[in-house]
């Protein structure tokens, strides 16, 4: 991507950020609270999923480690 394209993309990003800031500032307190609650809920779901993925990876790692150990034991015996 050339510099002109990067500049336009950066300008669009700044404009989107400014619009989001303005939109947030003009929200009612109830709308702000709903947005905060939604962000908190989404964060909790992401954290929960990350924990599930970590558990799955740990299980797979232990399975592979045990499998490799059995293979080594079979080769040495």
PDB file of N, CA and C in Angstrom:
ATOM      1  N   UNK A   1       0.860  -1.168   0.000  1.00  0.00           N
ATOM      2  CA  UNK A   1       0.000   0.000   0.000  1.00  0.00           C
ATOM      3  C   UNK A   1       0.908   1.233   0.000  1.00  0.00           C
ATOM      4  N   UNK A   2       0.604   2.171  -0.836  1.00  0.00           N
ATOM      5  CA  UNK A   2       1.427   3.383  -0.913  1.00  0.00           C
ATOM      6  C   UNK A   2       1.081   4.357   0.213  1.00  0.00           C
ATOM      7  N   UNK A   3       1.868   5.412   0.324  1.00  0.00           N
ATOM      8  CA  UNK A   3       1.673   6.382   1.404  1.00  0.00           C
ATOM      9  C   UNK A   3       0.339   7.100   1.314  1.00  0.00           C
ATOM     10  N   UNK A   4      -0.134   7.357   0.096  1.00  0.00           N
ATOM     11  CA  UNK A   4      -1.415   8.042  -0.069  1.00  0.00           C
ATOM     12  C   UNK A   4      -2.547   7.186   0.501  1.00  0.00           C
ATOM     13  N   UNK A   5      -2.501   5.898   0.214  1.00  0.00           N
ATOM     14  CA  UNK A   5      -3.524   4.983   0.733  1.00  0.00           C
ATOM     15  C   UNK A   5      -3.480   4.882   2.244  1.00  0.00           C
ATOM     16  N   UNK A   6      -2.259   4.854   2.794  1.00  0.00           N
ATOM     17  CA  UNK A   6      -2.114   4.798   4.253  1.00  0.00           C
ATOM     18  C   UNK A   6      -2.625   6.075   4.894  1.00  0.00           C
ATOM     19  N   UNK A   7      -2.378   7.198   4.256  1.00  0.00           N
ATOM     20  CA  UNK A   7      -2.852   8.470   4.785  1.00  0.00           C
ATOM     21  C   UNK A   7      -4.367   8.558   4.804  1.00  0.00           C
ATOM     22  N   UNK A   8      -4.976   8.100   3.727  1.00  0.00           N
ATOM     23  CA  UNK A   8      -6.444   8.103   3.663  1.00  0.00           C
ATOM     24  C   UNK A   8      -7.020   7.170   4.717  1.00  0.00           C
ATOM     25  N   UNK A   9      -6.398   5.997   4.864  1.00  0.00           N
ATOM     26  CA  UNK A   9      -6.858   5.044   5.870  1.00  0.00           C
ATOM     27  C   UNK A   9      -6.722   5.631   7.277  1.00  0.00           C
ATOM     28  N   UNK A  10      -5.607   6.306   7.549  1.00  0.00           N
ATOM     29  CA  UNK A  10      -5.409   6.946   8.854  1.00  0.00           C
ATOM     30  C   UNK A  10      -6.437   8.043   9.083  1.00  0.00           C
ATOM     31  N   UNK A  11      -6.709   8.823   8.055  1.00  0.00           N
ATOM     32  CA  UNK A  11      -7.696   9.894   8.169  1.00  0.00           C
ATOM     33  C   UNK A  11      -9.085   9.324   8.456  1.00  0.00           C
ATOM     34  N   UNK A  12      -9.442   8.232   7.791  1.00  0.00           N
ATOM     35  CA  UNK A  12     -10.724   7.590   8.054  1.00  0.00           C
ATOM     36  C   UNK A  12     -10.790   7.058   9.492  1.00  0.00           C
ATOM     37  N   UNK A  13      -9.685   6.523   9.975  1.00  0.00           N
ATOM     38  CA  UNK A  13      -9.634   6.037  11.352  1.00  0.00           C
ATOM     39  C   UNK A  13      -9.835   7.152  12.356  1.00  0.00           C
ATOM     40  N   UNK A  14      -9.184   8.279  12.124  1.00  0.00           N
ATOM     41  CA  UNK A  14      -9.334   9.430  13.014  1.00  0.00           C
ATOM     42  C   UNK A  14     -10.775   9.942  12.966  1.00  0.00           C
ATOM     43  N   UNK A  15     -11.340  10.003  11.780  1.00  0.00           N
ATOM     44  CA  UNK A  15     -12.716  10.480  11.633  1.00  0.00           C
ATOM     45  C   UNK A  15     -13.689   9.547  12.357  1.00  0.00           C
ATOM     46  N   UNK A  16     -13.475   8.239  12.221  1.00  0.00           N
ATOM     47  CA  UNK A  16     -14.347   7.280  12.899  1.00  0.00           C
ATOM     48  C   UNK A  16     -14.212   7.417  14.415  1.00  0.00           C
ATOM     49  N   UNK A  17     -12.998   7.608  14.900  1.00  0.00           N
ATOM     50  CA  UNK A  17     -12.787   7.800  16.334  1.00  0.00           C
ATOM     51  C   UNK A  17     -13.455   9.067  16.848  1.00  0.00           C
ATOM     52  N   UNK A  18     -13.337  10.131  16.082  1.00  0.00           N
ATOM     53  CA  UNK A  18     -13.966  11.400  16.466  1.00  0.00           C
ATOM     54  C   UNK A  18     -15.488  11.260  16.488  1.00  0.00           C
ATOM     55  N   UNK A  19     -16.034  10.562  15.493  1.00  0.00           N
ATOM     56  CA  UNK A  19     -17.482  10.355  15.453  1.00  0.00           C
ATOM     57  C   UNK A  19     -17.939   9.530  16.647  1.00  0.00           C
ATOM     58  N   UNK A  20     -17.192   8.469  16.965  1.00  0.00           N
ATOM     59  CA  UNK A  20     -17.554   7.624  18.105  1.00  0.00           C
ATOM     60  C   UNK A  20     -17.500   8.423  19.403  1.00  0.00           C
ATOM     61  N   UNK A  21     -16.471   9.260  19.557  1.00  0.00           N
ATOM     62  CA  UNK A  21     -16.355  10.101  20.748  1.00  0.00           C
ATOM     63  C   UNK A  21     -17.541  11.057  20.856  1.00  0.00           C
ATOM     64  N   UNK A  22     -17.870  11.702  19.750  1.00  0.00           N
ATOM     65  CA  UNK A  22     -19.009  12.638  19.745  1.00  0.00           C
ATOM     66  C   UNK A  22     -20.309  11.910  20.062  1.00  0.00           C
ATOM     67  N   UNK A  23     -20.478  10.733  19.449  1.00  0.00           N
ATOM     68  CA  UNK A  23     -21.698   9.952  19.664  1.00  0.00           C
ATOM     69  C   UNK A  23     -21.823   9.555  21.133  1.00  0.00           C
ATOM     70  N   UNK A  24     -20.706   9.132  21.743  1.00  0.00           N
ATOM     71  CA  UNK A  24     -20.728   8.749  23.154  1.00  0.00           C
ATOM     72  C   UNK A  24     -21.071   9.944  24.040  1.00  0.00           C
ATOM     73  N   UNK A  25     -20.495  11.084  23.734  1.00  0.00           N
ATOM     74  CA  UNK A  25     -20.744  12.277  24.549  1.00  0.00           C
ATOM     75  C   UNK A  25     -22.197  12.738  24.468  1.00  0.00           C
ATOM     76  N   UNK A  26     -22.880  12.446  23.360  1.00  0.00           N
ATOM     77  CA  UNK A  26     -24.269  12.882  23.214  1.00  0.00           C
ATOM     78  C   UNK A  26     -25.272  11.829  23.671  1.00  0.00           C
ATOM     79  N   UNK A  27     -24.794  10.690  24.151  1.00  0.00           N
ATOM     80  CA  UNK A  27     -25.698   9.635  24.636  1.00  0.00           C
ATOM     81  C   UNK A  27     -26.305  10.038  25.972  1.00  0.00           C
ATOM     82  N   UNK A  28     -27.473   9.493  26.235  1.00  0.00           N
ATOM     83  CA  UNK A  28     -28.086   9.684  27.543  1.00  0.00           C
ATOM     84  C   UNK A  28     -27.357   8.791  28.549  1.00  0.00           C
ATOM     85  N   UNK A  29     -27.471   9.089  29.836  1.00  0.00           N
ATOM     86  CA  UNK A  29     -26.824   8.236  30.852  1.00  0.00           C
ATOM     87  C   UNK A  29     -27.275   6.766  30.761  1.00  0.00           C
ATOM     88  N   UNK A  30     -28.546   6.538  30.406  1.00  0.00           N
ATOM     89  CA  UNK A  30     -29.039   5.161  30.277  1.00  0.00           C
ATOM     90  C   UNK A  30     -28.369   4.446  29.104  1.00  0.00           C
ATOM     91  N   UNK A  31     -28.200   5.166  27.997  1.00  0.00           N
ATOM     92  CA  UNK A  31     -27.539   4.573  26.835  1.00  0.00           C
ATOM     93  C   UNK A  31     -26.067   4.275  27.144  1.00  0.00           C
ATOM     94  N   UNK A  32     -25.426   5.181  27.872  1.00  0.00           N
ATOM     95  CA  UNK A  32     -24.031   4.956  28.258  1.00  0.00           C
ATOM     96  C   UNK A  32     -23.914   3.719  29.144  1.00  0.00           C
ATOM     97  N   UNK A  33     -24.860   3.564  30.076  1.00  0.00           N
ATOM     98  CA  UNK A  33     -24.823   2.412  30.976  1.00  0.00           C
ATOM     99  C   UNK A  33     -25.044   1.123  30.201  1.00  0.00           C
ATOM    100  N   UNK A  34     -25.976   1.131  29.235  1.00  0.00           N
ATOM    101  CA  UNK A  34     -26.199  -0.065  28.400  1.00  0.00           C
ATOM    102  C   UNK A  34     -24.942  -0.419  27.627  1.00  0.00           C
ATOM    103  N   UNK A  35     -24.263   0.592  27.095  1.00  0.00           N
ATOM    104  CA  UNK A  35     -23.023   0.356  26.348  1.00  0.00           C
ATOM    105  C   UNK A  35     -21.952  -0.220  27.261  1.00  0.00           C
ATOM    106  N   UNK A  36     -21.815   0.321  28.460  1.00  0.00           N
ATOM    107  CA  UNK A  36     -20.825  -0.193  29.415  1.00  0.00           C
ATOM    108  C   UNK A  36     -21.152  -1.628  29.818  1.00  0.00           C
ATOM    109  N   UNK A  37     -22.442  -1.905  30.052  1.00  0.00           N
ATOM    110  CA  UNK A  37     -22.843  -3.259  30.420  1.00  0.00           C
ATOM    111  C   UNK A  37     -22.538  -4.247  29.298  1.00  0.00           C
ATOM    112  N   UNK A  38     -22.809  -3.828  28.063  1.00  0.00           N
ATOM    113  CA  UNK A  38     -22.542  -4.692  26.918  1.00  0.00           C
ATOM    114  C   UNK A  38     -21.045  -4.960  26.782  1.00  0.00           C
ATOM    115  N   UNK A  39     -20.227  -3.932  26.995  1.00  0.00           N
ATOM    116  CA  UNK A  39     -18.770  -4.101  26.921  1.00  0.00           C
ATOM    117  C   UNK A  39     -18.281  -5.037  28.022  1.00  0.00           C
ATOM    118  N   UNK A  40     -18.821  -4.895  29.209  1.00  0.00           N
ATOM    119  CA  UNK A  40     -18.444  -5.760  30.324  1.00  0.00           C
ATOM    120  C   UNK A  40     -18.836  -7.209  30.041  1.00  0.00           C
ATOM    121  N   UNK A  41     -20.046  -7.399  29.537  1.00  0.00           N
ATOM    122  CA  UNK A  41     -20.533  -8.744  29.208  1.00  0.00           C
ATOM    123  C   UNK A  41     -19.669  -9.379  28.120  1.00  0.00           C
ATOM    124  N   UNK A  42     -19.343  -8.614  27.106  1.00  0.00           N
ATOM    125  CA  UNK A  42     -18.506  -9.118  26.022  1.00  0.00           C
ATOM    126  C   UNK A  42     -17.126  -9.482  26.545  1.00  0.00           C
ATOM    127  N   UNK A  43     -16.570  -8.653  27.399  1.00  0.00           N
ATOM    128  CA  UNK A  43     -15.271  -8.942  27.999  1.00  0.00           C
ATOM    129  C   UNK A  43     -15.302 -10.220  28.820  1.00  0.00           C
ATOM    130  N   UNK A  44     -16.374 -10.419  29.558  1.00  0.00           N
ATOM    131  CA  UNK A  44     -16.515 -11.639  30.364  1.00  0.00           C
ATOM    132  C   UNK A  44     -16.591 -12.877  29.477  1.00  0.00           C
ATOM    133  N   UNK A  45     -17.345 -12.774  28.378  1.00  0.00           N
ATOM    134  CA  UNK A  45     -17.447 -13.914  27.460  1.00  0.00           C
ATOM    135  C   UNK A  45     -16.099 -14.235  26.814  1.00  0.00           C
ATOM    136  N   UNK A  46     -15.364 -13.194  26.444  1.00  0.00           N
ATOM    137  CA  UNK A  46     -14.044 -13.411  25.842  1.00  0.00           C
ATOM    138  C   UNK A  46     -13.113 -14.075  26.853  1.00  0.00           C
ATOM    139  N   UNK A  47     -13.148 -13.606  28.085  1.00  0.00           N
ATOM    140  CA  UNK A  47     -12.307 -14.180  29.133  1.00  0.00           C
ATOM    141  C   UNK A  47     -12.661 -15.645  29.373  1.00  0.00           C
ATOM    142  N   UNK A  48     -13.948 -15.945  29.376  1.00  0.00           N
ATOM    143  CA  UNK A  48     -14.410 -17.321  29.573  1.00  0.00           C
ATOM    144  C   UNK A  48     -13.933 -18.218  28.431  1.00  0.00           C
ATOM    145  N   UNK A  49     -14.080 -17.750  27.207  1.00  0.00           N
ATOM    146  CA  UNK A  49     -13.631 -18.518  26.033  1.00  0.00           C
ATOM    147  C   UNK A  49     -12.128 -18.735  26.063  1.00  0.00           C
ATOM    148  N   UNK A  50     -11.386 -17.717  26.464  1.00  0.00           N
ATOM    149  CA  UNK A  50      -9.931 -17.850  26.538  1.00  0.00           C
ATOM    150  C   UNK A  50      -9.549 -18.923  27.551  1.00  0.00           C
ATOM    151  N   UNK A  51     -10.258 -18.969  28.651  1.00  0.00           N
ATOM    152  CA  UNK A  51     -10.011 -20.015  29.654  1.00  0.00           C
ATOM    153  C   UNK A  51     -10.301 -21.398  29.104  1.00  0.00           C
ATOM    154  N   UNK A  52     -11.391 -21.520  28.345  1.00  0.00           N
ATOM    155  CA  UNK A  52     -11.735 -22.804  27.740  1.00  0.00           C
ATOM    156  C   UNK A  52     -10.674 -23.233  26.737  1.00  0.00           C
ATOM    157  N   UNK A  53     -10.201 -22.302  25.939  1.00  0.00           N
ATOM    158  CA  UNK A  53      -9.162 -22.603  24.954  1.00  0.00           C
ATOM    159  C   UNK A  53      -7.880 -23.020  25.666  1.00  0.00           C
ATOM    160  N   UNK A  54      -7.532 -22.324  26.725  1.00  0.00           N
ATOM    161  CA  UNK A  54      -6.327 -22.657  27.486  1.00  0.00           C
ATOM    162  C   UNK A  54      -6.437 -24.065  28.065  1.00  0.00           C
ATOM    163  N   UNK A  55      -7.605 -24.405  28.606  1.00  0.00           N
ATOM    164  CA  UNK A  55      -7.797 -25.749  29.149  1.00  0.00           C
ATOM    165  C   UNK A  55      -7.665 -26.807  28.058  1.00  0.00           C
ATOM    166  N   UNK A  56      -8.253 -26.559  26.899  1.00  0.00           N
ATOM    167  CA  UNK A  56      -8.180 -27.505  25.793  1.00  0.00           C
ATOM    168  C   UNK A  56      -6.732 -27.689  25.339  1.00  0.00           C
ATOM    169  N   UNK A  57      -6.010 -26.588  25.223  1.00  0.00           N
ATOM    170  CA  UNK A  57      -4.607 -26.671  24.802  1.00  0.00           C
ATOM    171  C   UNK A  57      -3.789 -27.433  25.837  1.00  0.00           C
ATOM    172  N   UNK A  58      -4.036 -27.194  27.115  1.00  0.00           N
ATOM    173  CA  UNK A  58      -3.312 -27.902  28.170  1.00  0.00           C
ATOM    174  C   UNK A  58      -3.591 -29.406  28.105  1.00  0.00           C
ATOM    175  N   UNK A  59      -4.845 -29.775  27.877  1.00  0.00           N
ATOM    176  CA  UNK A  59      -5.192 -31.196  27.752  1.00  0.00           C
ATOM    177  C   UNK A  59      -4.475 -31.838  26.569  1.00  0.00           C
ATOM    178  N   UNK A  60      -4.497 -31.158  25.437  1.00  0.00           N
ATOM    179  CA  UNK A  60      -3.831 -31.690  24.238  1.00  0.00           C
ATOM    180  C   UNK A  60      -2.332 -31.814  24.464  1.00  0.00           C
ATOM    181  N   UNK A  61      -1.736 -30.826  25.122  1.00  0.00           N
ATOM    182  CA  UNK A  61      -0.306 -30.857  25.411  1.00  0.00           C
ATOM    183  C   UNK A  61       0.025 -32.057  26.291  1.00  0.00           C
ATOM    184  N   UNK A  62      -0.775 -32.270  27.347  1.00  0.00           N
ATOM    185  CA  UNK A  62      -0.531 -33.411  28.234  1.00  0.00           C
ATOM    186  C   UNK A  62      -0.676 -34.733  27.489  1.00  0.00           C
ATOM    187  N   UNK A  63      -1.683 -34.822  26.593  1.00  0.00           N
ATOM    188  CA  UNK A  63      -1.859 -36.040  25.805  1.00  0.00           C
ATOM    189  C   UNK A  63      -0.641 -36.290  24.922  1.00  0.00           C
ATOM    190  N   UNK A  64      -0.171 -35.262  24.248  1.00  0.00           N
ATOM    191  CA  UNK A  64       1.000 -35.420  23.386  1.00  0.00           C
ATOM    192  C   UNK A  64       2.248 -35.772  24.190  1.00  0.00           C
ATOM    193  N   UNK A  65       2.404 -35.148  25.334  1.00  0.00           N
ATOM    194  CA  UNK A  65       3.561 -35.420  26.182  1.00  0.00           C
ATOM    195  C   UNK A  65       3.545 -36.877  26.645  1.00  0.00           C
ATOM    196  N   UNK A  66       2.381 -37.362  27.071  1.00  0.00           N
ATOM    197  CA  UNK A  66       2.268 -38.752  27.512  1.00  0.00           C
ATOM    198  C   UNK A  66       2.490 -39.719  26.360  1.00  0.00           C
ATOM    199  N   UNK A  67       1.959 -39.383  25.210  1.00  0.00           N
ATOM    200  CA  UNK A  67       2.145 -40.211  24.029  1.00  0.00           C
ATOM    201  C   UNK A  67       3.616 -40.278  23.638  1.00  0.00           C
ATOM    202  N   UNK A  68       4.297 -39.155  23.668  1.00  0.00           N
ATOM    203  CA  UNK A  68       5.722 -39.126  23.334  1.00  0.00           C
ATOM    204  C   UNK A  68       6.527 -39.920  24.350  1.00  0.00           C
ATOM    205  N   UNK A  69       6.168 -39.824  25.610  1.00  0.00           N
ATOM    206  CA  UNK A  69       6.880 -40.570  26.655  1.00  0.00           C
ATOM    207  C   UNK A  69       6.701 -42.070  26.442  1.00  0.00           C
ATOM    208  N   UNK A  70       5.487 -42.495  26.093  1.00  0.00           N
ATOM    209  CA  UNK A  70       5.248 -43.917  25.828  1.00  0.00           C
ATOM    210  C   UNK A  70       6.079 -44.398  24.646  1.00  0.00           C
ATOM    211  N   UNK A  71       6.170 -43.587  23.617  1.00  0.00           N
ATOM    212  CA  UNK A  71       6.954 -43.952  22.436  1.00  0.00           C
ATOM    213  C   UNK A  71       8.430 -44.081  22.790  1.00  0.00           C
ATOM    214  N   UNK A  72       8.936 -43.151  23.584  1.00  0.00           N
ATOM    215  CA  UNK A  72      10.331 -43.205  24.017  1.00  0.00           C
ATOM    216  C   UNK A  72      10.572 -44.453  24.846  1.00  0.00           C
ATOM    217  N   UNK A  73       9.640 -44.750  25.747  1.00  0.00           N
ATOM    218  CA  UNK A  73       9.768 -45.957  26.574  1.00  0.00           C
ATOM    219  C   UNK A  73       9.752 -47.215  25.712  1.00  0.00           C
ATOM    220  N   UNK A  74       8.898 -47.251  24.708  1.00  0.00           N
ATOM    221  CA  UNK A  74       8.816 -48.407  23.809  1.00  0.00           C
ATOM    222  C   UNK A  74      10.111 -48.572  23.016  1.00  0.00           C
ATOM    223  N   UNK A  75      10.702 -47.480  22.593  1.00  0.00           N
ATOM    224  CA  UNK A  75      11.935 -47.534  21.796  1.00  0.00           C
ATOM    225  C   UNK A  75      13.098 -47.986  22.670  1.00  0.00           C
ATOM    226  N   UNK A  76      13.159 -47.506  23.915  1.00  0.00           N
ATOM    227  CA  UNK A  76      14.297 -47.851  24.786  1.00  0.00           C
ATOM    228  C   UNK A  76      14.195 -49.264  25.321  1.00  0.00           C
ATOM    229  N   UNK A  77      13.027 -49.859  25.323  1.00  0.00           N
ATOM    230  CA  UNK A  77      12.853 -51.233  25.859  1.00  0.00           C
ATOM    231  C   UNK A  77      12.932 -52.253  24.796  1.00  0.00           C
TER     232      UNK A  77
END
